Amino acid sequence: MSPNEPAEPIATGVFAVAKQSFGDLFKWKQRVLITNEYGEERTEWQAPEPLPNPFSLFAQLSLRDWVFFIVGWCAWTADAFDFHALSIQTTKLADYYGQSKTNITTAITLTLLLRSVGAAFFGLAGDKFGRKWPMVFNMIVLGVLQIATIYSSTFQQFLAVRSLFGLFMGGVYGNAVAMALENCPVNARGIMSGIMQSGYSAGYVFAACANLGVGGETDTWKIVFWIAAGLSIGVGLVRILFPESKQFREAKAARKAAGDKGGHTTSAFWQETKNMLAKEWKMCLYCILLMTWFNYYSHTSQDSYTTFMLTQKEMENAGASRASILMKVGACAGGTTIGYVSQWFGRRRAIIVSALLSATLIPAWILPEGESALSATGFFIQFFIQGAWGVIPIHLNELSPPAFRSSFPGITYQLGNMISSPSAQIVNAIAEKTFVTLDNGDRVSAYGPVMGVATAIIALGIAVTTAFGPEKRGRKFEQARAAGVVVEPAKDIEEGFYEEKPATERIEKVENKS
């Protein structure tokens, strides 16, 4: 018998779930579904454990866990460096190709549009074949495409290469997050999720540092892209040196011990994928909506921020780069801190509070003048923007069907990216047609007001969507089997053992018996 108080069953149906989720937001204890060894389910209220010392959480990870986490983090960071190598150099690229800044951001739109295709392909490959080789292939091809960008002599070639870049970039997130977090101890997931998500901000910081180091000359954008190519290819080569994830190694060993030499079949995998989508389509749509808001949140507030400082604030490249670096240092700190706190405070509450606090900081973010003031306010608003983001990797993993923790987070994340893909282009297009007059009399593009209004709307949208959505904090998925593999009881109950077989093989045996 559990010492915890019984709770009403988890609701079914969109409106019932929304009503229950909103009500649970104001209860300190969490409604948790418990399944015993006989498959019987009950729902109870569980109080969150007090936050332990973060260093004690780090100590719970084994050396193997740390290796997988660090490689996943490096892949995500290199992916972010690749992306931001373009976004922070929009002005240089506009001068190089003789295009407007809005036209250059078309490349960002195309990249984000095609990321969802890559997420679907490589995410499903990661769930079927393992995390290792899809990631290796992804990272090496990304490096090659960065080099191809450097040698794009025309604007049309540039756009074509960046489209291909988006296709392969989309496959990184799901595999990297699954590999980094799937073996973390339950009570360490919050802080590790925050650190994992901060890799995106770290990639921005490294790209901004590279941009600062090469100077403001037009052609220097190529040097940053060379660095990005080296990082991506390097991570891919390092990943070759480490084994497949524990989940797939154990599933393979179990199949071999049971005499299944062929592994789980392709038909079984796709059948389980189809069944998952039929059962979880509402969760899929919810996560896509949530990730659409979140991707608008980050891209609206950061992709044009360097351009905002160069254009509206009339800063030099060096000052704008330094302010961008400090802004994203705040993002790294916020992602780690809020992710850690979410383990105790709750995933949804952490997201909502962070989003609302970021909205209150918008005036302080866009109104100040000078590098020091903009650096400080940028630091604090990104602390909360990326603080909300820091909860997302583990929140998506906990909402995912356990056997699809590579494809589900990656696909929903990148579909949200696809829908929000015009965000930077929209900001630039509106800002370049709207003007403000500075104290010195200059009329400049109104990047600050445009970003401020958009970010306020998005932050409120995130708060509302999260408040009415589900939460499965503390969900146990460490023992989840690979998709396409089921546990089949032995034929003779006296044998007293179970073996793993592909779902299609089990179905065929039942049909033959009939």
Protein backbone atom coordinates (compact mmCIF):
# COMPACT_ATOMS: atom_id res chain seq x y z
CA MET A 1 0.00 0.00 0.00
CA SER A 2 1.23 3.44 -0.91
CA PRO A 3 1.42 6.07 1.84
CA ASN A 4 0.33 8.73 -0.65
CA GLU A 5 -3.21 10.07 -0.95
CA PRO A 6 -5.26 8.52 -3.81
CA ALA A 7 -6.18 10.89 -6.65
CA GLU A 8 -8.88 10.94 -9.29
CA PRO A 9 -7.88 9.11 -12.48
CA ILE A 10 -6.14 11.11 -15.18
CA ALA A 11 -8.82 12.65 -17.40
CA THR A 12 -9.43 11.73 -21.01
CA GLY A 13 -10.65 14.08 -23.72
CA VAL A 14 -9.27 17.47 -24.67
CA PHE A 15 -11.47 19.67 -22.49
CA ALA A 16 -11.40 17.32 -19.52
CA VAL A 17 -7.60 17.15 -19.64
CA ALA A 18 -7.34 20.94 -19.98
CA LYS A 19 -9.65 21.49 -16.99
CA GLN A 20 -7.83 18.94 -14.84
CA SER A 21 -4.39 20.24 -15.85
CA PHE A 22 -5.30 23.84 -15.05
CA GLY A 23 -6.66 22.83 -11.66
CA ASP A 24 -3.58 20.73 -10.87
CA LEU A 25 -1.40 23.77 -11.57
CA PHE A 26 -2.58 25.25 -8.25
CA LYS A 27 -2.00 22.09 -6.22
CA TRP A 28 1.48 21.62 -4.82
CA LYS A 29 1.33 17.84 -4.99
CA GLN A 30 1.43 16.19 -8.40
CA ARG A 31 -1.08 13.72 -9.82
CA VAL A 32 0.95 10.63 -10.78
CA LEU A 33 -0.08 7.43 -12.57
CA ILE A 34 1.45 4.34 -10.92
CA THR A 35 1.66 0.94 -12.63
CA ASN A 36 2.59 -2.12 -10.55
CA GLU A 37 4.29 -5.33 -11.67
CA TYR A 38 0.93 -6.87 -12.63
CA GLY A 39 0.04 -4.01 -14.99
CA GLU A 40 -2.54 -2.59 -12.59
CA GLU A 41 -2.77 1.21 -12.56
CA ARG A 42 -3.68 3.69 -9.86
CA THR A 43 -3.42 7.45 -9.53
CA GLU A 44 -2.07 9.19 -6.43
CA TRP A 45 -0.82 12.56 -5.19
CA GLN A 46 2.93 12.79 -4.72
CA ALA A 47 4.71 15.68 -3.04
CA PRO A 48 7.90 16.78 -4.82
CA GLU A 49 11.08 15.99 -2.99
CA PRO A 50 13.17 18.94 -1.74
CA LEU A 51 15.82 20.05 -4.20
CA PRO A 52 19.10 18.28 -3.42
CA ASN A 53 22.53 19.80 -3.78
CA PRO A 54 23.19 19.97 -7.55
CA PHE A 55 26.62 18.41 -7.07
CA SER A 56 25.01 15.38 -5.45
CA LEU A 57 22.82 15.09 -8.55
CA PHE A 58 25.87 15.23 -10.79
CA ALA A 59 27.44 12.45 -8.73
CA GLN A 60 24.49 10.16 -9.49
CA LEU A 61 25.50 9.98 -13.14
CA SER A 62 27.97 7.23 -13.95
CA LEU A 63 30.99 7.83 -16.18
CA ARG A 64 29.09 6.27 -19.07
CA ASP A 65 26.10 8.57 -18.42
CA TRP A 66 28.40 11.61 -18.46
CA VAL A 67 30.04 10.52 -21.71
CA PHE A 68 26.69 10.17 -23.45
CA PHE A 69 25.47 13.46 -22.00
CA ILE A 70 28.58 15.42 -23.01
CA VAL A 71 28.56 14.05 -26.56
CA GLY A 72 24.84 14.89 -26.89
CA TRP A 73 25.46 18.38 -25.51
CA CYS A 74 28.38 18.94 -27.91
CA ALA A 75 26.26 17.85 -30.88
CA TRP A 76 23.47 20.25 -29.90
CA THR A 77 25.95 23.08 -29.27
CA ALA A 78 27.68 22.55 -32.62
CA ASP A 79 24.26 22.49 -34.28
CA ALA A 80 23.42 25.85 -32.68
CA PHE A 81 26.81 27.30 -33.69
CA ASP A 82 26.11 26.26 -37.29
CA PHE A 83 22.74 27.99 -37.25
CA HIS A 84 23.83 31.20 -35.52
CA ALA A 85 26.91 31.55 -37.70
CA LEU A 86 24.39 32.94 -40.19
CA SER A 87 21.92 34.79 -37.96
CA ILE A 88 24.55 36.94 -36.20
CA GLN A 89 26.21 37.84 -39.50
CA THR A 90 23.11 38.97 -41.41
CA THR A 91 24.57 42.42 -42.05
CA LYS A 92 27.86 41.00 -43.43
CA LEU A 93 26.04 38.55 -45.69
CA ALA A 94 23.70 41.29 -46.96
CA ASP A 95 26.75 43.33 -47.99
CA TYR A 96 28.53 40.28 -49.50
CA TYR A 97 25.60 39.20 -51.72
CA GLY A 98 24.22 42.69 -52.35
CA GLN A 99 20.85 41.82 -50.81
CA SER A 100 18.63 43.35 -48.14
CA LYS A 101 18.78 41.95 -44.63
CA THR A 102 15.22 40.67 -45.10
CA ASN A 103 16.31 38.67 -48.15
CA ILE A 104 19.22 37.18 -46.22
CA THR A 105 16.86 36.01 -43.49
CA THR A 106 15.05 34.01 -46.19
CA ALA A 107 17.88 31.52 -45.65
CA ILE A 108 16.85 31.24 -41.97
CA THR A 109 13.26 30.61 -43.04
CA LEU A 110 14.28 27.86 -45.48
CA THR A 111 16.55 26.25 -42.89
CA LEU A 112 13.77 26.12 -40.31
CA LEU A 113 11.19 24.90 -42.84
CA LEU A 114 13.19 21.83 -43.81
CA ARG A 115 14.36 20.93 -40.31
CA SER A 116 11.08 19.08 -39.67
CA VAL A 117 11.75 16.74 -42.62
CA GLY A 118 15.17 15.88 -41.23
CA ALA A 119 13.72 15.45 -37.74
CA ALA A 120 11.18 12.90 -38.99
CA PHE A 121 13.69 10.91 -41.05
CA PHE A 122 16.62 10.86 -38.64
CA GLY A 123 14.44 10.69 -35.52
CA LEU A 124 12.72 7.52 -36.71
CA ALA A 125 16.11 6.17 -37.80
CA GLY A 126 17.37 6.86 -34.27
CA ASP A 127 14.45 4.95 -32.72
CA LYS A 128 14.89 1.99 -35.08
CA PHE A 129 18.66 1.71 -35.56
CA GLY A 130 20.02 3.53 -32.51
CA ARG A 131 21.32 7.02 -31.75
CA LYS A 132 24.89 6.57 -32.94
CA TRP A 133 25.12 6.35 -36.73
CA PRO A 134 22.28 8.75 -37.60
CA MET A 135 24.03 11.36 -35.45
CA VAL A 136 27.46 10.65 -36.96
CA PHE A 137 26.07 11.02 -40.48
CA ASN A 138 24.14 14.18 -39.51
CA MET A 139 27.11 15.99 -38.00
CA ILE A 140 29.58 15.20 -40.80
CA VAL A 141 27.14 16.26 -43.53
CA LEU A 142 26.38 19.49 -41.62
CA GLY A 143 30.10 20.31 -41.63
CA VAL A 144 30.34 19.64 -45.36
CA LEU A 145 27.33 21.91 -46.02
CA GLN A 146 28.94 24.70 -43.98
CA ILE A 147 31.93 24.47 -46.32
CA ALA A 148 29.58 24.45 -49.33
CA THR A 149 28.02 27.68 -48.02
CA ILE A 150 31.44 29.32 -48.05
CA TYR A 151 31.88 28.47 -51.74
CA SER A 152 28.39 29.62 -52.78
CA SER A 153 29.20 32.33 -55.32
CA THR A 154 25.63 33.49 -55.95
CA PHE A 155 22.71 34.26 -53.68
CA GLN A 156 20.65 31.47 -55.29
CA GLN A 157 23.38 28.93 -54.54
CA PHE A 158 23.53 30.25 -51.00
CA LEU A 159 19.79 29.69 -50.49
CA ALA A 160 19.95 26.20 -52.02
CA VAL A 161 22.77 25.10 -49.72
CA ARG A 162 21.05 26.52 -46.63
CA SER A 163 17.90 24.59 -47.55
CA LEU A 164 19.90 21.33 -47.59
CA PHE A 165 21.54 22.44 -44.36
CA GLY A 166 18.12 22.68 -42.70
CA LEU A 167 17.24 19.16 -43.81
CA PHE A 168 20.24 17.65 -42.01
CA MET A 169 20.18 20.07 -39.10
CA GLY A 170 16.70 18.81 -38.18
CA GLY A 171 17.99 15.36 -37.33
CA VAL A 172 20.31 16.48 -34.54
CA TYR A 173 17.99 17.59 -31.73
CA GLY A 174 15.94 14.44 -31.14
CA ASN A 175 18.88 12.03 -31.17
CA ALA A 176 21.11 14.35 -29.13
CA VAL A 177 18.50 14.94 -26.41
CA ALA A 178 17.46 11.28 -26.22
CA MET A 179 21.08 10.12 -25.97
CA ALA A 180 21.92 12.75 -23.34
CA LEU A 181 18.90 12.34 -21.06
CA GLU A 182 17.42 8.87 -21.42
CA ASN A 183 19.76 7.28 -18.86
CA CYS A 184 19.84 10.15 -16.35
CA PRO A 185 18.50 9.38 -12.85
CA VAL A 186 14.94 10.65 -12.41
CA ASN A 187 15.69 13.37 -9.86
CA ALA A 188 18.66 14.68 -11.88
CA ARG A 189 16.72 15.17 -15.09
CA GLY A 190 15.64 18.75 -14.40
CA ILE A 191 19.12 20.19 -14.02
CA MET A 192 20.55 18.02 -16.81
CA SER A 193 17.72 19.12 -19.09
CA GLY A 194 18.57 22.76 -18.37
CA ILE A 195 22.26 22.19 -19.08
CA MET A 196 21.38 20.32 -22.26
CA GLN A 197 19.15 23.10 -23.56
CA SER A 198 21.80 25.69 -22.67
CA GLY A 199 23.89 24.12 -25.42
CA TYR A 200 21.79 26.12 -27.86
CA SER A 201 22.72 29.34 -26.10
CA ALA A 202 26.34 28.21 -25.77
CA GLY A 203 26.42 27.70 -29.54
CA TYR A 204 25.25 31.29 -29.95
CA VAL A 205 27.91 32.53 -27.52
CA PHE A 206 30.67 30.67 -29.36
CA ALA A 207 29.44 31.97 -32.72
CA ALA A 208 29.30 35.53 -31.37
CA CYS A 209 32.82 35.16 -29.95
CA ALA A 210 34.02 33.95 -33.34
CA ASN A 211 32.31 36.89 -35.03
CA LEU A 212 33.93 39.27 -32.54
CA GLY A 213 37.33 37.68 -33.08
CA VAL A 214 37.31 37.91 -36.88
CA GLY A 215 36.24 41.58 -36.93
CA GLY A 216 33.59 43.45 -38.88
CA GLU A 217 34.94 43.21 -42.45
CA THR A 218 32.47 41.74 -44.93
CA ASP A 219 34.45 38.67 -46.02
CA THR A 220 35.19 37.58 -42.46
CA TRP A 221 31.89 35.71 -42.30
CA LYS A 222 33.61 32.85 -44.11
CA ILE A 223 36.06 32.29 -41.25
CA VAL A 224 33.18 31.78 -38.82
CA PHE A 225 31.68 29.21 -41.18
CA TRP A 226 35.01 27.35 -41.37
CA ILE A 227 35.04 27.13 -37.58
CA ALA A 228 31.46 25.85 -37.60
CA ALA A 229 32.35 23.17 -40.16
CA GLY A 230 35.27 21.98 -38.04
CA LEU A 231 33.11 21.72 -34.91
CA SER A 232 30.37 19.69 -36.61
CA ILE A 233 32.72 17.26 -38.31
CA GLY A 234 34.75 16.94 -35.10
CA VAL A 235 31.68 15.99 -33.03
CA GLY A 236 30.66 13.43 -35.66
CA LEU A 237 34.08 11.80 -35.58
CA VAL A 238 34.17 11.76 -31.77
CA ARG A 239 30.74 10.09 -31.67
CA ILE A 240 32.17 7.16 -33.66
CA LEU A 241 34.47 6.36 -30.73
CA PHE A 242 31.62 5.65 -28.28
CA PRO A 243 29.11 2.77 -28.24
CA GLU A 244 25.41 2.71 -28.97
CA SER A 245 22.96 3.75 -26.25
CA LYS A 246 22.23 1.34 -23.42
CA GLN A 247 18.62 0.88 -24.51
CA PHE A 248 19.56 -0.53 -27.90
CA ARG A 249 22.51 -2.60 -26.70
CA GLU A 250 20.35 -4.35 -24.10
CA ALA A 251 17.48 -4.91 -26.55
CA LYS A 252 19.91 -6.40 -29.08
CA ALA A 253 21.41 -8.71 -26.44
CA ALA A 254 17.96 -9.85 -25.33
CA ARG A 255 16.92 -10.66 -28.89
CA LYS A 256 20.14 -12.58 -29.47
CA ALA A 257 19.65 -14.59 -26.27
CA ALA A 258 16.11 -15.45 -27.39
CA GLY A 259 17.37 -16.71 -30.74
CA ASP A 260 16.13 -13.74 -32.77
CA LYS A 261 19.06 -13.10 -35.07
CA GLY A 262 17.31 -10.59 -37.28
CA GLY A 263 16.41 -8.05 -34.65
CA HIS A 264 13.08 -6.29 -34.59
CA THR A 265 11.60 -6.20 -38.06
CA THR A 266 10.90 -3.13 -40.10
CA SER A 267 7.22 -4.04 -40.40
CA ALA A 268 6.92 -4.37 -36.62
CA PHE A 269 8.57 -0.99 -36.12
CA TRP A 270 6.28 0.79 -38.57
CA GLN A 271 3.23 -0.96 -37.17
CA GLU A 272 4.10 0.26 -33.69
CA THR A 273 4.76 3.75 -35.08
CA LYS A 274 1.33 3.74 -36.71
CA ASN A 275 -0.31 2.56 -33.49
CA MET A 276 1.52 5.22 -31.49
CA LEU A 277 0.30 8.01 -33.82
CA ALA A 278 -3.27 6.71 -33.70
CA LYS A 279 -3.18 6.69 -29.90
CA GLU A 280 -1.08 9.79 -29.22
CA TRP A 281 -2.17 12.18 -32.00
CA LYS A 282 -3.66 14.66 -29.54
CA MET A 283 -0.41 14.74 -27.58
CA CYS A 284 1.46 15.22 -30.86
CA LEU A 285 -0.68 18.21 -31.80
CA TYR A 286 -0.32 19.73 -28.34
CA CYS A 287 3.47 19.40 -28.37
CA ILE A 288 3.65 20.87 -31.89
CA LEU A 289 1.58 23.87 -30.74
CA LEU A 290 3.76 24.31 -27.66
CA MET A 291 6.95 24.10 -29.72
CA THR A 292 5.57 26.56 -32.27
CA TRP A 293 5.16 29.12 -29.50
CA PHE A 294 8.61 28.34 -28.10
CA ASN A 295 10.38 28.60 -31.44
CA TYR A 296 8.73 31.95 -32.15
CA TYR A 297 9.82 32.92 -28.62
CA SER A 298 13.53 32.30 -29.20
CA HIS A 299 13.86 33.27 -32.86
CA THR A 300 11.87 36.50 -32.47
CA SER A 301 13.88 37.61 -29.46
CA GLN A 302 17.37 36.70 -30.63
CA ASP A 303 17.85 36.19 -34.39
CA SER A 304 17.57 39.92 -35.15
CA TYR A 305 18.97 41.22 -31.87
CA THR A 306 22.47 41.85 -33.23
CA THR A 307 20.89 43.60 -36.23
CA PHE A 308 18.78 45.66 -33.78
CA MET A 309 21.91 46.87 -31.97
CA LEU A 310 23.78 47.61 -35.20
CA THR A 311 20.85 49.35 -36.92
CA GLN A 312 18.59 50.97 -34.33
CA LYS A 313 21.16 51.51 -31.58
CA GLU A 314 23.92 52.36 -34.11
CA MET A 315 26.55 50.32 -32.28
CA GLU A 316 29.80 49.03 -33.76
CA ASN A 317 30.17 45.32 -34.62
CA ALA A 318 32.47 44.71 -31.63
CA GLY A 319 30.08 46.27 -29.10
CA ALA A 320 27.06 44.49 -30.56
CA SER A 321 28.91 41.17 -30.46
CA ARG A 322 29.94 41.66 -26.82
CA ALA A 323 26.36 42.52 -25.83
CA SER A 324 25.12 39.43 -27.70
CA ILE A 325 27.62 37.26 -25.86
CA LEU A 326 26.53 38.53 -22.44
CA MET A 327 22.88 38.15 -23.44
CA LYS A 328 23.38 34.47 -24.22
CA VAL A 329 25.51 33.90 -21.11
CA GLY A 330 22.33 34.90 -19.28
CA ALA A 331 20.47 32.35 -21.40
CA CYS A 332 22.90 29.58 -20.38
CA ALA A 333 22.53 30.50 -16.70
CA GLY A 334 18.74 30.70 -16.95
CA GLY A 335 18.33 27.40 -18.78
CA THR A 336 20.39 25.54 -16.20
CA THR A 337 18.83 27.27 -13.17
CA ILE A 338 15.16 27.04 -14.19
CA GLY A 339 15.61 23.50 -15.48
CA TYR A 340 17.01 22.54 -12.06
CA VAL A 341 14.20 24.29 -10.18
CA SER A 342 11.55 22.60 -12.35
CA GLN A 343 12.37 19.27 -10.71
CA TRP A 344 10.87 20.66 -7.48
CA PHE A 345 8.63 23.52 -8.63
CA GLY A 346 7.05 21.60 -11.53
CA ARG A 347 7.71 21.70 -15.27
CA ARG A 348 4.67 23.77 -16.19
CA ARG A 349 4.90 26.21 -13.29
CA ALA A 350 8.57 26.87 -14.11
CA ILE A 351 7.73 27.56 -17.76
CA ILE A 352 4.78 29.84 -16.96
CA VAL A 353 6.58 31.95 -14.34
CA SER A 354 9.63 32.33 -16.59
CA ALA A 355 7.53 33.39 -19.58
CA LEU A 356 5.58 35.99 -17.58
CA LEU A 357 8.75 37.43 -16.02
CA SER A 358 10.35 37.75 -19.45
CA ALA A 359 7.31 39.73 -20.65
CA THR A 360 7.68 42.22 -17.78
CA LEU A 361 11.32 42.84 -18.77
CA ILE A 362 10.59 43.81 -22.39
CA PRO A 363 10.68 47.62 -21.87
CA ALA A 364 14.04 47.36 -20.05
CA TRP A 365 15.26 45.15 -22.90
CA ILE A 366 14.67 47.47 -25.86
CA LEU A 367 14.67 51.03 -24.46
CA PRO A 368 18.19 51.52 -22.99
CA GLU A 369 21.09 53.04 -24.91
CA GLY A 370 24.71 51.92 -24.89
CA GLU A 371 26.52 48.62 -24.70
CA SER A 372 26.52 48.26 -20.89
CA ALA A 373 22.79 48.80 -20.43
CA LEU A 374 21.83 46.61 -23.38
CA SER A 375 24.15 43.86 -22.17
CA ALA A 376 22.60 43.85 -18.69
CA THR A 377 18.97 43.90 -19.81
CA GLY A 378 19.67 41.36 -22.54
CA PHE A 379 21.23 39.09 -19.92
CA PHE A 380 18.15 39.16 -17.68
CA ILE A 381 15.45 38.76 -20.33
CA GLN A 382 17.29 35.83 -21.93
CA PHE A 383 17.77 34.33 -18.45
CA PHE A 384 14.00 33.83 -18.32
CA ILE A 385 13.39 33.15 -22.02
CA GLN A 386 15.95 30.38 -22.11
CA GLY A 387 15.00 29.49 -18.53
CA ALA A 388 11.60 28.45 -19.86
CA TRP A 389 13.38 26.65 -22.69
CA GLY A 390 15.58 24.80 -20.20
CA VAL A 391 12.58 22.78 -19.06
CA ILE A 392 11.63 21.73 -22.59
CA PRO A 393 14.06 18.82 -23.31
CA ILE A 394 12.96 16.77 -20.31
CA HIS A 395 9.33 17.97 -20.51
CA LEU A 396 9.10 16.69 -24.10
CA ASN A 397 10.88 13.45 -23.18
CA GLU A 398 8.43 12.83 -20.34
CA LEU A 399 5.43 13.55 -22.60
CA SER A 400 6.81 11.27 -25.33
CA PRO A 401 5.75 7.64 -25.83
CA PRO A 402 8.70 5.82 -24.17
CA ALA A 403 9.75 3.86 -27.28
CA PHE A 404 9.81 7.02 -29.42
CA ARG A 405 11.93 9.38 -27.33
CA SER A 406 14.21 10.12 -30.29
CA SER A 407 11.60 10.78 -32.97
CA PHE A 408 8.75 12.29 -30.91
CA PRO A 409 10.65 15.22 -29.33
CA GLY A 410 12.61 15.83 -32.53
CA ILE A 411 9.61 15.81 -34.85
CA THR A 412 7.35 17.94 -32.63
CA TYR A 413 10.21 20.38 -31.97
CA GLN A 414 11.08 20.73 -35.65
CA LEU A 415 7.46 20.96 -36.80
CA GLY A 416 7.14 23.86 -34.39
CA ASN A 417 10.30 25.24 -35.97
CA MET A 418 8.76 24.84 -39.42
CA ILE A 419 5.61 26.75 -38.49
CA SER A 420 7.66 29.50 -36.84
CA SER A 421 10.25 29.57 -39.63
CA PRO A 422 9.28 33.03 -40.98
CA SER A 423 9.79 34.66 -37.55
CA ALA A 424 13.11 36.41 -38.30
CA GLN A 425 11.92 37.34 -41.78
CA ILE A 426 8.69 38.82 -40.38
CA VAL A 427 10.60 40.87 -37.80
CA ASN A 428 13.01 42.21 -40.44
CA ALA A 429 10.27 42.94 -42.98
CA ILE A 430 8.12 44.90 -40.50
CA ALA A 431 11.08 46.68 -38.92
CA GLU A 432 12.48 47.81 -42.28
CA LYS A 433 9.11 49.40 -43.13
CA THR A 434 8.62 51.02 -39.72
CA PHE A 435 10.89 53.78 -38.45
CA VAL A 436 11.73 55.51 -35.21
CA THR A 437 13.63 58.76 -34.76
CA LEU A 438 16.67 58.74 -32.49
CA ASP A 439 17.76 61.59 -30.22
CA ASN A 440 20.38 62.56 -32.82
CA GLY A 441 17.68 62.95 -35.47
CA ASP A 442 18.43 59.74 -37.41
CA ARG A 443 15.42 57.77 -38.68
CA VAL A 444 16.18 54.07 -38.26
CA SER A 445 14.37 50.76 -38.64
CA ALA A 446 12.17 49.98 -35.62
CA TYR A 447 13.62 46.60 -34.66
CA GLY A 448 13.15 47.16 -30.92
CA PRO A 449 9.39 47.89 -30.89
CA VAL A 450 8.68 45.08 -33.37
CA MET A 451 10.60 42.50 -31.31
CA GLY A 452 9.09 43.79 -28.07
CA VAL A 453 5.45 43.55 -29.16
CA ALA A 454 5.96 40.12 -30.75
CA THR A 455 7.77 38.72 -27.70
CA ALA A 456 5.02 39.95 -25.34
CA ILE A 457 2.31 38.21 -27.38
CA ILE A 458 4.35 35.00 -27.60
CA ALA A 459 5.16 34.91 -23.86
CA LEU A 460 1.46 35.16 -23.01
CA GLY A 461 0.66 32.45 -25.55
CA ILE A 462 3.21 30.13 -23.95
CA ALA A 463 1.81 30.76 -20.46
CA VAL A 464 -1.77 29.97 -21.52
CA THR A 465 -0.87 26.91 -23.63
CA THR A 466 1.28 25.45 -20.86
CA ALA A 467 -1.32 26.10 -18.17
CA PHE A 468 -3.90 23.93 -19.94
CA GLY A 469 -1.47 21.21 -21.02
CA PRO A 470 -0.35 17.93 -19.41
CA GLU A 471 2.69 17.23 -17.28
CA LYS A 472 4.36 13.88 -16.50
CA ARG A 473 7.21 14.96 -14.27
CA GLY A 474 9.07 11.98 -12.83
CA ARG A 475 7.82 9.53 -15.45
CA LYS A 476 9.97 6.38 -15.47
CA PHE A 477 11.13 5.36 -18.92
CA GLU A 478 14.57 3.88 -18.23
CA GLN A 479 13.45 0.30 -18.90
CA ALA A 480 11.41 1.11 -22.01
CA ARG A 481 12.08 -1.25 -24.89
CA ALA A 482 12.94 -0.22 -28.42
CA ALA A 483 10.02 0.31 -30.80
CA GLY A 484 8.97 -2.91 -32.52
CA VAL A 485 9.98 -5.19 -29.61
CA VAL A 486 7.46 -6.64 -27.15
CA VAL A 487 7.69 -9.02 -24.22
CA GLU A 488 6.14 -12.38 -25.08
CA PRO A 489 5.39 -14.92 -22.37
CA ALA A 490 6.90 -18.35 -22.79
CA LYS A 491 4.60 -20.99 -24.35
CA ASP A 492 4.71 -23.22 -21.28
CA ILE A 493 3.98 -21.40 -18.03
CA GLU A 494 6.18 -23.92 -16.20
CA GLU A 495 9.18 -22.60 -18.13
CA GLY A 496 8.84 -19.46 -16.02
CA PHE A 497 10.62 -17.00 -18.29
CA TYR A 498 9.88 -14.22 -20.74
CA GLU A 499 11.61 -13.38 -23.96
CA GLU A 500 11.64 -10.36 -26.27
CA LYS A 501 10.32 -10.93 -29.78
CA PRO A 502 9.22 -8.62 -32.60
CA ALA A 503 5.55 -7.71 -32.46
CA THR A 504 4.84 -9.15 -35.93
CA GLU A 505 6.32 -12.53 -34.95
CA ARG A 506 4.10 -12.67 -31.87
CA ILE A 507 1.02 -11.86 -33.97
CA GLU A 508 1.87 -14.58 -36.52
CA LYS A 509 2.17 -17.18 -33.73
CA VAL A 510 -1.24 -16.24 -32.33
CA GLU A 511 -2.81 -16.52 -35.78
CA ASN A 512 -1.22 -19.94 -36.34
CA LYS A 513 -2.56 -21.19 -33.01
CA SER A 514 -6.03 -20.01 -33.97
